[in-house]
């Protein structure tokens, strides 16, 4: 049990960082531009050091250079697709995974259809192919969704007695995660140091519980944590902690696919007196 919680702790800390990293990568990926094809008389040149690609230099047939704003800067693509230019026009095409770092391609993921993919990139590419009815869609389904970060395996159910004890375990776990992040100097905790100090002197660790809610409530900051906002923490831990998903389902007391701060406190059994809306980001 101790080893399991240490592994979970490492995964959660990684998930907090990976969440921001993934968002940055998606923004950059959607702004990148395909270089001109060799057989095309016009050659698109771009500065490799400029991730924004704000302008594009195009060499005309006569050798003259023309600069224009990159349309991909303001062109959003759906999951699994990336923006490319065709005759100066933005177009969303299914991404490839050839340019991914080797370590990224060593992290298999499991879909909600219980299919293992080499990486999250490959799963998202499959989603794009299937949504657009393109060759290469092996699942023949409309949507390919991430279930958890691991090769697919048989998941065990959560016994009722374990689910009953889970809130206490969760509070202790969040306090350990917060303590570990503070020791490592994670900037995500800079505005919440006072939460940690209060949690040290509170057997329920209410400060850590409220901090985690604030940390999850990001898109948008509306004091509700949606299923999408829970995706990374769920996907990181689901294959290791069989009580997490049923616990989160119970937290959503009115079954509206979102968890309010009050619901979060109730399911983690935080006293009403300790429940104070102290999230640092704006409402």
C-alpha atoms as a PDB file:
ATOM      1  CA  UNK A   1       0.000   0.000   0.000  1.00  0.00           C
ATOM      2  CA  UNK A   2       2.809   2.423   0.889  1.00  0.00           C
ATOM      3  CA  UNK A   3       4.536   1.779  -2.447  1.00  0.00           C
ATOM      4  CA  UNK A   4       1.271   2.316  -4.302  1.00  0.00           C
ATOM      5  CA  UNK A   5       0.718   5.712  -2.710  1.00  0.00           C
ATOM      6  CA  UNK A   6       4.267   6.787  -3.474  1.00  0.00           C
ATOM      7  CA  UNK A   7       3.687   5.887  -7.126  1.00  0.00           C
ATOM      8  CA  UNK A   8       0.392   7.762  -7.129  1.00  0.00           C
ATOM      9  CA  UNK A   9       2.076  10.803  -5.581  1.00  0.00           C
ATOM     10  CA  UNK A  10       4.671  10.856  -8.354  1.00  0.00           C
ATOM     11  CA  UNK A  11       1.972  10.515 -11.001  1.00  0.00           C
ATOM     12  CA  UNK A  12      -0.116  13.391  -9.675  1.00  0.00           C
ATOM     13  CA  UNK A  13       2.821  15.771  -9.433  1.00  0.00           C
ATOM     14  CA  UNK A  14       3.745  14.777 -12.993  1.00  0.00           C
ATOM     15  CA  UNK A  15       0.162  15.285 -14.165  1.00  0.00           C
ATOM     16  CA  UNK A  16       0.045  18.875 -12.831  1.00  0.00           C
ATOM     17  CA  UNK A  17       3.138  19.759 -14.825  1.00  0.00           C
ATOM     18  CA  UNK A  18       2.174  17.711 -17.887  1.00  0.00           C
ATOM     19  CA  UNK A  19      -1.189  19.462 -18.052  1.00  0.00           C
ATOM     20  CA  UNK A  20       0.414  22.868 -18.691  1.00  0.00           C
ATOM     21  CA  UNK A  21       3.038  21.322 -20.946  1.00  0.00           C
ATOM     22  CA  UNK A  22       0.352  19.667 -23.057  1.00  0.00           C
ATOM     23  CA  UNK A  23      -1.539  22.948 -23.473  1.00  0.00           C
ATOM     24  CA  UNK A  24       1.628  24.735 -24.596  1.00  0.00           C
ATOM     25  CA  UNK A  25       2.441  21.982 -27.066  1.00  0.00           C
ATOM     26  CA  UNK A  26      -1.063  22.048 -28.515  1.00  0.00           C
ATOM     27  CA  UNK A  27      -0.911  25.815 -29.011  1.00  0.00           C
ATOM     28  CA  UNK A  28       2.466  25.553 -30.705  1.00  0.00           C
ATOM     29  CA  UNK A  29       1.407  22.579 -32.827  1.00  0.00           C
ATOM     30  CA  UNK A  30      -1.654  24.418 -34.130  1.00  0.00           C
ATOM     31  CA  UNK A  31       0.500  27.374 -35.152  1.00  0.00           C
ATOM     32  CA  UNK A  32       3.193  25.473 -37.018  1.00  0.00           C
ATOM     33  CA  UNK A  33       3.229  25.457 -40.782  1.00  0.00           C
ATOM     34  CA  UNK A  34       4.087  22.786 -43.296  1.00  0.00           C
ATOM     35  CA  UNK A  35       7.127  23.685 -45.371  1.00  0.00           C
ATOM     36  CA  UNK A  36       6.509  24.040 -49.114  1.00  0.00           C
ATOM     37  CA  UNK A  37       6.702  20.873 -51.166  1.00  0.00           C
ATOM     38  CA  UNK A  38       9.815  20.489 -53.371  1.00  0.00           C
ATOM     39  CA  UNK A  39       7.777  20.387 -56.572  1.00  0.00           C
ATOM     40  CA  UNK A  40       6.003  23.645 -55.672  1.00  0.00           C
ATOM     41  CA  UNK A  41       7.632  26.694 -57.380  1.00  0.00           C
ATOM     42  CA  UNK A  42       6.952  28.751 -54.258  1.00  0.00           C
ATOM     43  CA  UNK A  43       8.983  27.975 -51.161  1.00  0.00           C
ATOM     44  CA  UNK A  44       7.705  28.824 -47.686  1.00  0.00           C
ATOM     45  CA  UNK A  45      10.442  29.897 -45.295  1.00  0.00           C
ATOM     46  CA  UNK A  46       9.928  30.103 -41.536  1.00  0.00           C
ATOM     47  CA  UNK A  47      12.207  30.884 -38.603  1.00  0.00           C
ATOM     48  CA  UNK A  48      12.629  27.675 -36.575  1.00  0.00           C
ATOM     49  CA  UNK A  49      13.200  29.724 -33.437  1.00  0.00           C
ATOM     50  CA  UNK A  50       9.851  31.514 -33.782  1.00  0.00           C
ATOM     51  CA  UNK A  51       7.180  29.194 -32.388  1.00  0.00           C
ATOM     52  CA  UNK A  52       4.487  31.778 -33.049  1.00  0.00           C
ATOM     53  CA  UNK A  53       5.141  31.949 -36.814  1.00  0.00           C
ATOM     54  CA  UNK A  54       3.514  35.404 -36.823  1.00  0.00           C
ATOM     55  CA  UNK A  55       4.642  36.104 -40.378  1.00  0.00           C
ATOM     56  CA  UNK A  56       5.588  33.900 -43.302  1.00  0.00           C
ATOM     57  CA  UNK A  57       8.153  34.742 -46.003  1.00  0.00           C
ATOM     58  CA  UNK A  58       7.181  33.386 -49.415  1.00  0.00           C
ATOM     59  CA  UNK A  59       9.653  33.300 -52.282  1.00  0.00           C
ATOM     60  CA  UNK A  60       7.881  34.062 -55.554  1.00  0.00           C
ATOM     61  CA  UNK A  61       8.919  32.536 -58.862  1.00  0.00           C
ATOM     62  CA  UNK A  62      10.855  35.662 -59.795  1.00  0.00           C
ATOM     63  CA  UNK A  63      12.856  35.530 -56.594  1.00  0.00           C
ATOM     64  CA  UNK A  64      10.959  38.306 -54.815  1.00  0.00           C
ATOM     65  CA  UNK A  65      10.105  37.809 -51.172  1.00  0.00           C
ATOM     66  CA  UNK A  66       6.594  38.479 -49.877  1.00  0.00           C
ATOM     67  CA  UNK A  67       5.677  38.558 -46.182  1.00  0.00           C
ATOM     68  CA  UNK A  68       2.189  37.990 -44.832  1.00  0.00           C
ATOM     69  CA  UNK A  69       0.484  37.148 -41.573  1.00  0.00           C
ATOM     70  CA  UNK A  70       0.300  33.429 -40.931  1.00  0.00           C
ATOM     71  CA  UNK A  71      -3.406  32.458 -41.067  1.00  0.00           C
ATOM     72  CA  UNK A  72      -2.702  29.465 -38.828  1.00  0.00           C
ATOM     73  CA  UNK A  73      -2.129  31.827 -35.915  1.00  0.00           C
ATOM     74  CA  UNK A  74      -5.871  32.342 -35.582  1.00  0.00           C
ATOM     75  CA  UNK A  75      -7.084  29.059 -37.033  1.00  0.00           C
ATOM     76  CA  UNK A  76      -8.031  26.435 -34.464  1.00  0.00           C
ATOM     77  CA  UNK A  77      -8.058  22.736 -35.255  1.00  0.00           C
ATOM     78  CA  UNK A  78      -9.865  19.968 -33.414  1.00  0.00           C
ATOM     79  CA  UNK A  79      -8.134  17.277 -31.360  1.00  0.00           C
ATOM     80  CA  UNK A  80      -5.716  15.219 -33.398  1.00  0.00           C
ATOM     81  CA  UNK A  81      -5.394  17.776 -36.187  1.00  0.00           C
ATOM     82  CA  UNK A  82      -2.832  20.457 -36.929  1.00  0.00           C
ATOM     83  CA  UNK A  83      -2.947  23.546 -39.129  1.00  0.00           C
ATOM     84  CA  UNK A  84      -1.071  23.598 -42.423  1.00  0.00           C
ATOM     85  CA  UNK A  85      -1.003  26.150 -45.230  1.00  0.00           C
ATOM     86  CA  UNK A  86      -2.131  25.334 -48.741  1.00  0.00           C
ATOM     87  CA  UNK A  87      -1.830  28.259 -51.146  1.00  0.00           C
ATOM     88  CA  UNK A  88      -1.727  30.615 -48.155  1.00  0.00           C
ATOM     89  CA  UNK A  89      -4.991  29.198 -46.822  1.00  0.00           C
ATOM     90  CA  UNK A  90      -5.156  27.420 -43.433  1.00  0.00           C
ATOM     91  CA  UNK A  91      -6.283  23.816 -43.459  1.00  0.00           C
ATOM     92  CA  UNK A  92      -6.636  21.311 -40.620  1.00  0.00           C
ATOM     93  CA  UNK A  93      -5.066  17.929 -41.333  1.00  0.00           C
ATOM     94  CA  UNK A  94      -4.598  14.895 -39.106  1.00  0.00           C
ATOM     95  CA  UNK A  95      -1.323  15.131 -37.212  1.00  0.00           C
ATOM     96  CA  UNK A  96       1.576  12.751 -37.542  1.00  0.00           C
ATOM     97  CA  UNK A  97       3.655  11.495 -34.620  1.00  0.00           C
ATOM     98  CA  UNK A  98       6.989  11.231 -36.413  1.00  0.00           C
ATOM     99  CA  UNK A  99       8.322  14.456 -34.856  1.00  0.00           C
ATOM    100  CA  UNK A 100       7.546  13.483 -31.265  1.00  0.00           C
ATOM    101  CA  UNK A 101      10.308  12.984 -28.715  1.00  0.00           C
ATOM    102  CA  UNK A 102      11.287   9.382 -28.157  1.00  0.00           C
ATOM    103  CA  UNK A 103      10.260   9.485 -24.490  1.00  0.00           C
ATOM    104  CA  UNK A 104       6.755  10.661 -25.463  1.00  0.00           C
ATOM    105  CA  UNK A 105       6.340   7.652 -27.725  1.00  0.00           C
ATOM    106  CA  UNK A 106       7.178   5.270 -24.876  1.00  0.00           C
ATOM    107  CA  UNK A 107       4.069   6.198 -22.890  1.00  0.00           C
ATOM    108  CA  UNK A 108       1.225   3.908 -24.014  1.00  0.00           C
ATOM    109  CA  UNK A 109      -2.364   4.955 -23.367  1.00  0.00           C
ATOM    110  CA  UNK A 110      -5.660   3.101 -23.199  1.00  0.00           C
ATOM    111  CA  UNK A 111      -8.816   4.306 -24.927  1.00  0.00           C
ATOM    112  CA  UNK A 112     -12.372   4.044 -23.620  1.00  0.00           C
ATOM    113  CA  UNK A 113     -12.786   1.188 -26.138  1.00  0.00           C
ATOM    114  CA  UNK A 114     -10.047  -0.737 -24.288  1.00  0.00           C
ATOM    115  CA  UNK A 115      -7.569  -0.354 -27.153  1.00  0.00           C
ATOM    116  CA  UNK A 116      -3.892   0.345 -26.390  1.00  0.00           C
ATOM    117  CA  UNK A 117      -2.095   3.035 -28.417  1.00  0.00           C
ATOM    118  CA  UNK A 118       1.650   3.683 -28.562  1.00  0.00           C
ATOM    119  CA  UNK A 119       1.150   7.225 -27.219  1.00  0.00           C
ATOM    120  CA  UNK A 120      -1.470   9.917 -26.684  1.00  0.00           C
ATOM    121  CA  UNK A 121      -0.377  11.388 -30.015  1.00  0.00           C
ATOM    122  CA  UNK A 122      -1.301   8.155 -31.813  1.00  0.00           C
ATOM    123  CA  UNK A 123      -4.670   8.030 -30.053  1.00  0.00           C
ATOM    124  CA  UNK A 124      -5.459  11.622 -31.073  1.00  0.00           C
ATOM    125  CA  UNK A 125      -4.386  10.930 -34.655  1.00  0.00           C
ATOM    126  CA  UNK A 126      -6.713   7.917 -34.773  1.00  0.00           C
ATOM    127  CA  UNK A 127      -9.534  10.126 -33.469  1.00  0.00           C
ATOM    128  CA  UNK A 128      -8.947  12.615 -36.283  1.00  0.00           C
ATOM    129  CA  UNK A 129      -8.842   9.892 -38.949  1.00  0.00           C
ATOM    130  CA  UNK A 130     -12.042   8.275 -37.679  1.00  0.00           C
ATOM    131  CA  UNK A 131     -13.929  11.560 -37.316  1.00  0.00           C
ATOM    132  CA  UNK A 132     -13.096  12.417 -40.924  1.00  0.00           C
ATOM    133  CA  UNK A 133     -13.637   8.925 -42.358  1.00  0.00           C
ATOM    134  CA  UNK A 134     -10.049   8.695 -43.568  1.00  0.00           C
ATOM    135  CA  UNK A 135      -7.964   5.577 -44.279  1.00  0.00           C
ATOM    136  CA  UNK A 136      -6.023   4.448 -41.232  1.00  0.00           C
ATOM    137  CA  UNK A 137      -8.999   4.505 -38.874  1.00  0.00           C
ATOM    138  CA  UNK A 138      -8.779   1.010 -37.419  1.00  0.00           C
ATOM    139  CA  UNK A 139     -11.459   1.366 -34.753  1.00  0.00           C
ATOM    140  CA  UNK A 140     -14.263   2.341 -37.123  1.00  0.00           C
ATOM    141  CA  UNK A 141     -15.893   4.496 -34.464  1.00  0.00           C
ATOM    142  CA  UNK A 142     -16.862   8.155 -34.447  1.00  0.00           C
ATOM    143  CA  UNK A 143     -14.729   9.186 -31.459  1.00  0.00           C
ATOM    144  CA  UNK A 144     -11.559   7.825 -29.883  1.00  0.00           C
ATOM    145  CA  UNK A 145     -11.238   8.979 -26.265  1.00  0.00           C
ATOM    146  CA  UNK A 146      -8.464   8.662 -23.702  1.00  0.00           C
ATOM    147  CA  UNK A 147      -9.321   6.528 -20.680  1.00  0.00           C
ATOM    148  CA  UNK A 148      -6.010   6.352 -18.814  1.00  0.00           C
ATOM    149  CA  UNK A 149      -2.240   6.606 -19.212  1.00  0.00           C
ATOM    150  CA  UNK A 150      -1.105   3.005 -19.404  1.00  0.00           C
ATOM    151  CA  UNK A 151      -1.418  -0.020 -21.634  1.00  0.00           C
ATOM    152  CA  UNK A 152      -4.933  -1.424 -21.295  1.00  0.00           C
ATOM    153  CA  UNK A 153      -5.415  -3.977 -18.549  1.00  0.00           C
ATOM    154  CA  UNK A 154      -8.197  -5.495 -16.483  1.00  0.00           C
ATOM    155  CA  UNK A 155      -9.302  -2.973 -13.854  1.00  0.00           C
ATOM    156  CA  UNK A 156     -10.570  -4.156 -10.492  1.00  0.00           C
ATOM    157  CA  UNK A 157     -13.714  -2.805  -8.840  1.00  0.00           C
ATOM    158  CA  UNK A 158     -13.701  -0.728  -5.666  1.00  0.00           C
ATOM    159  CA  UNK A 159     -15.222  -2.563  -2.651  1.00  0.00           C
ATOM    160  CA  UNK A 160     -17.794  -0.611  -0.636  1.00  0.00           C
ATOM    161  CA  UNK A 161     -15.666  -0.570   2.511  1.00  0.00           C
ATOM    162  CA  UNK A 162     -12.705   0.916   0.604  1.00  0.00           C
ATOM    163  CA  UNK A 163     -14.945   3.538  -0.996  1.00  0.00           C
ATOM    164  CA  UNK A 164     -16.190   4.498   2.465  1.00  0.00           C
ATOM    165  CA  UNK A 165     -12.616   5.048   3.661  1.00  0.00           C
ATOM    166  CA  UNK A 166     -11.503   6.788   0.472  1.00  0.00           C
ATOM    167  CA  UNK A 167     -12.240  10.427   1.516  1.00  0.00           C
ATOM    168  CA  UNK A 168      -9.814  10.129   4.443  1.00  0.00           C
ATOM    169  CA  UNK A 169      -7.165   8.596   2.196  1.00  0.00           C
ATOM    170  CA  UNK A 170      -7.759  11.295  -0.406  1.00  0.00           C
ATOM    171  CA  UNK A 171      -7.308  14.117   2.117  1.00  0.00           C
ATOM    172  CA  UNK A 172      -4.032  12.652   3.319  1.00  0.00           C
ATOM    173  CA  UNK A 173      -2.897  12.056  -0.226  1.00  0.00           C
ATOM    174  CA  UNK A 174      -3.640  15.669  -1.300  1.00  0.00           C
ATOM    175  CA  UNK A 175      -1.727  16.961   1.725  1.00  0.00           C
ATOM    176  CA  UNK A 176       1.288  14.789   0.805  1.00  0.00           C
ATOM    177  CA  UNK A 177       1.119  15.947  -2.817  1.00  0.00           C
ATOM    178  CA  UNK A 178       1.005  19.591  -1.736  1.00  0.00           C
ATOM    179  CA  UNK A 179       3.878  19.103   0.709  1.00  0.00           C
ATOM    180  CA  UNK A 180       5.998  17.366  -1.914  1.00  0.00           C
ATOM    181  CA  UNK A 181       5.332  20.080  -4.492  1.00  0.00           C
ATOM    182  CA  UNK A 182       6.304  22.769  -1.978  1.00  0.00           C
ATOM    183  CA  UNK A 183       9.576  20.968  -1.222  1.00  0.00           C
ATOM    184  CA  UNK A 184      10.332  20.745  -4.949  1.00  0.00           C
ATOM    185  CA  UNK A 185       9.565  24.444  -5.469  1.00  0.00           C
ATOM    186  CA  UNK A 186       6.745  24.092  -7.975  1.00  0.00           C
ATOM    187  CA  UNK A 187       5.529  27.610  -8.956  1.00  0.00           C
ATOM    188  CA  UNK A 188       1.910  26.352  -9.003  1.00  0.00           C
ATOM    189  CA  UNK A 189       2.003  26.607  -5.204  1.00  0.00           C
ATOM    190  CA  UNK A 190       3.370  30.141  -4.933  1.00  0.00           C
ATOM    191  CA  UNK A 191      -0.062  31.636  -4.209  1.00  0.00           C
ATOM    192  CA  UNK A 192      -1.119  28.804  -1.912  1.00  0.00           C
ATOM    193  CA  UNK A 193       1.661  28.562   0.674  1.00  0.00           C
ATOM    194  CA  UNK A 194      -0.739  29.751   3.364  1.00  0.00           C
ATOM    195  CA  UNK A 195      -3.097  26.880   2.457  1.00  0.00           C
ATOM    196  CA  UNK A 196      -0.314  24.396   3.134  1.00  0.00           C
ATOM    197  CA  UNK A 197       0.542  25.987   6.472  1.00  0.00           C
ATOM    198  CA  UNK A 198      -3.091  25.754   7.584  1.00  0.00           C
ATOM    199  CA  UNK A 199      -3.303  22.153   6.379  1.00  0.00           C
ATOM    200  CA  UNK A 200      -0.324  21.228   8.571  1.00  0.00           C
ATOM    201  CA  UNK A 201      -2.318  22.120  11.690  1.00  0.00           C
ATOM    202  CA  UNK A 202      -5.656  20.661  10.590  1.00  0.00           C
ATOM    203  CA  UNK A 203      -6.335  16.930  10.864  1.00  0.00           C
ATOM    204  CA  UNK A 204      -8.739  17.170   7.901  1.00  0.00           C
ATOM    205  CA  UNK A 205      -6.158  19.035   5.765  1.00  0.00           C
ATOM    206  CA  UNK A 206      -8.923  21.353   4.500  1.00  0.00           C
ATOM    207  CA  UNK A 207      -6.369  23.740   3.006  1.00  0.00           C
ATOM    208  CA  UNK A 208      -5.010  21.011   0.737  1.00  0.00           C
ATOM    209  CA  UNK A 209      -8.524  19.955  -0.261  1.00  0.00           C
ATOM    210  CA  UNK A 210      -9.530  23.508  -1.250  1.00  0.00           C
ATOM    211  CA  UNK A 211      -6.185  24.052  -3.024  1.00  0.00           C
ATOM    212  CA  UNK A 212      -6.743  20.999  -5.219  1.00  0.00           C
ATOM    213  CA  UNK A 213     -10.216  22.163  -6.176  1.00  0.00           C
ATOM    214  CA  UNK A 214      -8.789  25.560  -7.171  1.00  0.00           C
ATOM    215  CA  UNK A 215      -6.010  23.822  -9.089  1.00  0.00           C
ATOM    216  CA  UNK A 216      -8.515  21.723 -11.061  1.00  0.00           C
ATOM    217  CA  UNK A 217     -10.920  24.595 -11.749  1.00  0.00           C
ATOM    218  CA  UNK A 218      -9.062  26.223 -14.620  1.00  0.00           C
ATOM    219  CA  UNK A 219     -11.085  26.279 -17.867  1.00  0.00           C
ATOM    220  CA  UNK A 220     -13.038  28.343 -17.000  1.00  0.00           C
ATOM    221  CA  UNK A 221     -12.522  29.560 -13.424  1.00  0.00           C
ATOM    222  CA  UNK A 222     -16.184  29.225 -12.490  1.00  0.00           C
ATOM    223  CA  UNK A 223     -16.041  27.331  -9.171  1.00  0.00           C
ATOM    224  CA  UNK A 224     -17.117  24.139 -10.907  1.00  0.00           C
ATOM    225  CA  UNK A 225     -14.834  21.278 -11.896  1.00  0.00           C
ATOM    226  CA  UNK A 226     -16.043  19.601 -15.059  1.00  0.00           C
ATOM    227  CA  UNK A 227     -15.309  16.148 -16.410  1.00  0.00           C
ATOM    228  CA  UNK A 228     -12.863  17.704 -18.879  1.00  0.00           C
ATOM    229  CA  UNK A 229     -10.989  19.488 -16.080  1.00  0.00           C
ATOM    230  CA  UNK A 230     -10.710  16.180 -14.217  1.00  0.00           C
ATOM    231  CA  UNK A 231      -9.392  14.341 -17.263  1.00  0.00           C
ATOM    232  CA  UNK A 232      -5.661  14.469 -16.514  1.00  0.00           C
ATOM    233  CA  UNK A 233      -5.842  13.506 -12.866  1.00  0.00           C
ATOM    234  CA  UNK A 234      -8.289  10.685 -13.660  1.00  0.00           C
ATOM    235  CA  UNK A 235      -6.306   9.386 -16.619  1.00  0.00           C
ATOM    236  CA  UNK A 236      -3.062   9.463 -14.611  1.00  0.00           C
ATOM    237  CA  UNK A 237      -4.349   7.439 -11.671  1.00  0.00           C
ATOM    238  CA  UNK A 238      -7.338   5.364 -12.787  1.00  0.00           C
ATOM    239  CA  UNK A 239      -5.300   2.239 -13.588  1.00  0.00           C
ATOM    240  CA  UNK A 240      -3.620   2.349 -10.157  1.00  0.00           C
ATOM    241  CA  UNK A 241      -6.437   3.482  -7.851  1.00  0.00           C
ATOM    242  CA  UNK A 242      -9.694   1.633  -8.451  1.00  0.00           C
ATOM    243  CA  UNK A 243     -11.757   3.812  -6.099  1.00  0.00           C
ATOM    244  CA  UNK A 244     -10.994   7.188  -7.721  1.00  0.00           C
ATOM    245  CA  UNK A 245     -13.621   7.118 -10.485  1.00  0.00           C
ATOM    246  CA  UNK A 246     -16.538   5.888  -8.319  1.00  0.00           C
ATOM    247  CA  UNK A 247     -15.515   8.425  -5.669  1.00  0.00           C
ATOM    248  CA  UNK A 248     -15.609  11.317  -8.155  1.00  0.00           C
ATOM    249  CA  UNK A 249     -18.950  10.081  -9.437  1.00  0.00           C
ATOM    250  CA  UNK A 250     -20.343  10.242  -5.897  1.00  0.00           C
ATOM    251  CA  UNK A 251     -18.960  13.771  -5.509  1.00  0.00           C
ATOM    252  CA  UNK A 252     -21.230  14.905  -8.339  1.00  0.00           C
ATOM    253  CA  UNK A 253     -24.289  14.754  -6.090  1.00  0.00           C
ATOM    254  CA  UNK A 254     -26.767  16.198  -8.621  1.00  0.00           C
ATOM    255  CA  UNK A 255     -25.297  14.248 -11.549  1.00  0.00           C
ATOM    256  CA  UNK A 256     -24.756  17.292 -13.782  1.00  0.00           C
ATOM    257  CA  UNK A 257     -21.223  16.288 -14.894  1.00  0.00           C
ATOM    258  CA  UNK A 258     -19.565  18.951 -12.755  1.00  0.00           C
ATOM    259  CA  UNK A 259     -18.473  19.226  -9.115  1.00  0.00           C
ATOM    260  CA  UNK A 260     -18.977  22.457  -7.185  1.00  0.00           C
ATOM    261  CA  UNK A 261     -16.781  23.554  -4.296  1.00  0.00           C
ATOM    262  CA  UNK A 262     -19.577  22.619  -1.900  1.00  0.00           C
ATOM    263  CA  UNK A 263     -19.919  19.139  -3.442  1.00  0.00           C
ATOM    264  CA  UNK A 264     -16.127  18.707  -3.317  1.00  0.00           C
ATOM    265  CA  UNK A 265     -16.059  19.594   0.378  1.00  0.00           C
ATOM    266  CA  UNK A 266     -19.041  17.376   1.158  1.00  0.00           C
ATOM    267  CA  UNK A 267     -17.631  14.261  -0.469  1.00  0.00           C
ATOM    268  CA  UNK A 268     -14.240  14.813   1.183  1.00  0.00           C
ATOM    269  CA  UNK A 269     -16.026  15.424   4.515  1.00  0.00           C
ATOM    270  CA  UNK A 270     -14.635  18.873   5.174  1.00  0.00           C
ATOM    271  CA  UNK A 271     -16.507  20.743   7.956  1.00  0.00           C
ATOM    272  CA  UNK A 272     -18.613  23.644   6.724  1.00  0.00           C
ATOM    273  CA  UNK A 273     -16.688  26.028   8.975  1.00  0.00           C
ATOM    274  CA  UNK A 274     -13.474  25.220   7.112  1.00  0.00           C
ATOM    275  CA  UNK A 275     -15.034  25.719   3.670  1.00  0.00           C
ATOM    276  CA  UNK A 276     -13.951  29.149   2.451  1.00  0.00           C
ATOM    277  CA  UNK A 277     -13.761  30.152  -1.193  1.00  0.00           C
ATOM    278  CA  UNK A 278     -10.105  31.146  -1.326  1.00  0.00           C
ATOM    279  CA  UNK A 279      -9.153  30.375  -4.917  1.00  0.00           C
ATOM    280  CA  UNK A 280      -6.562  32.879  -6.062  1.00  0.00           C
ATOM    281  CA  UNK A 281      -7.638  33.152  -9.687  1.00  0.00           C
ATOM    282  CA  UNK A 282     -10.471  35.493 -10.600  1.00  0.00           C
ATOM    283  CA  UNK A 283     -14.054  34.289 -10.786  1.00  0.00           C
END
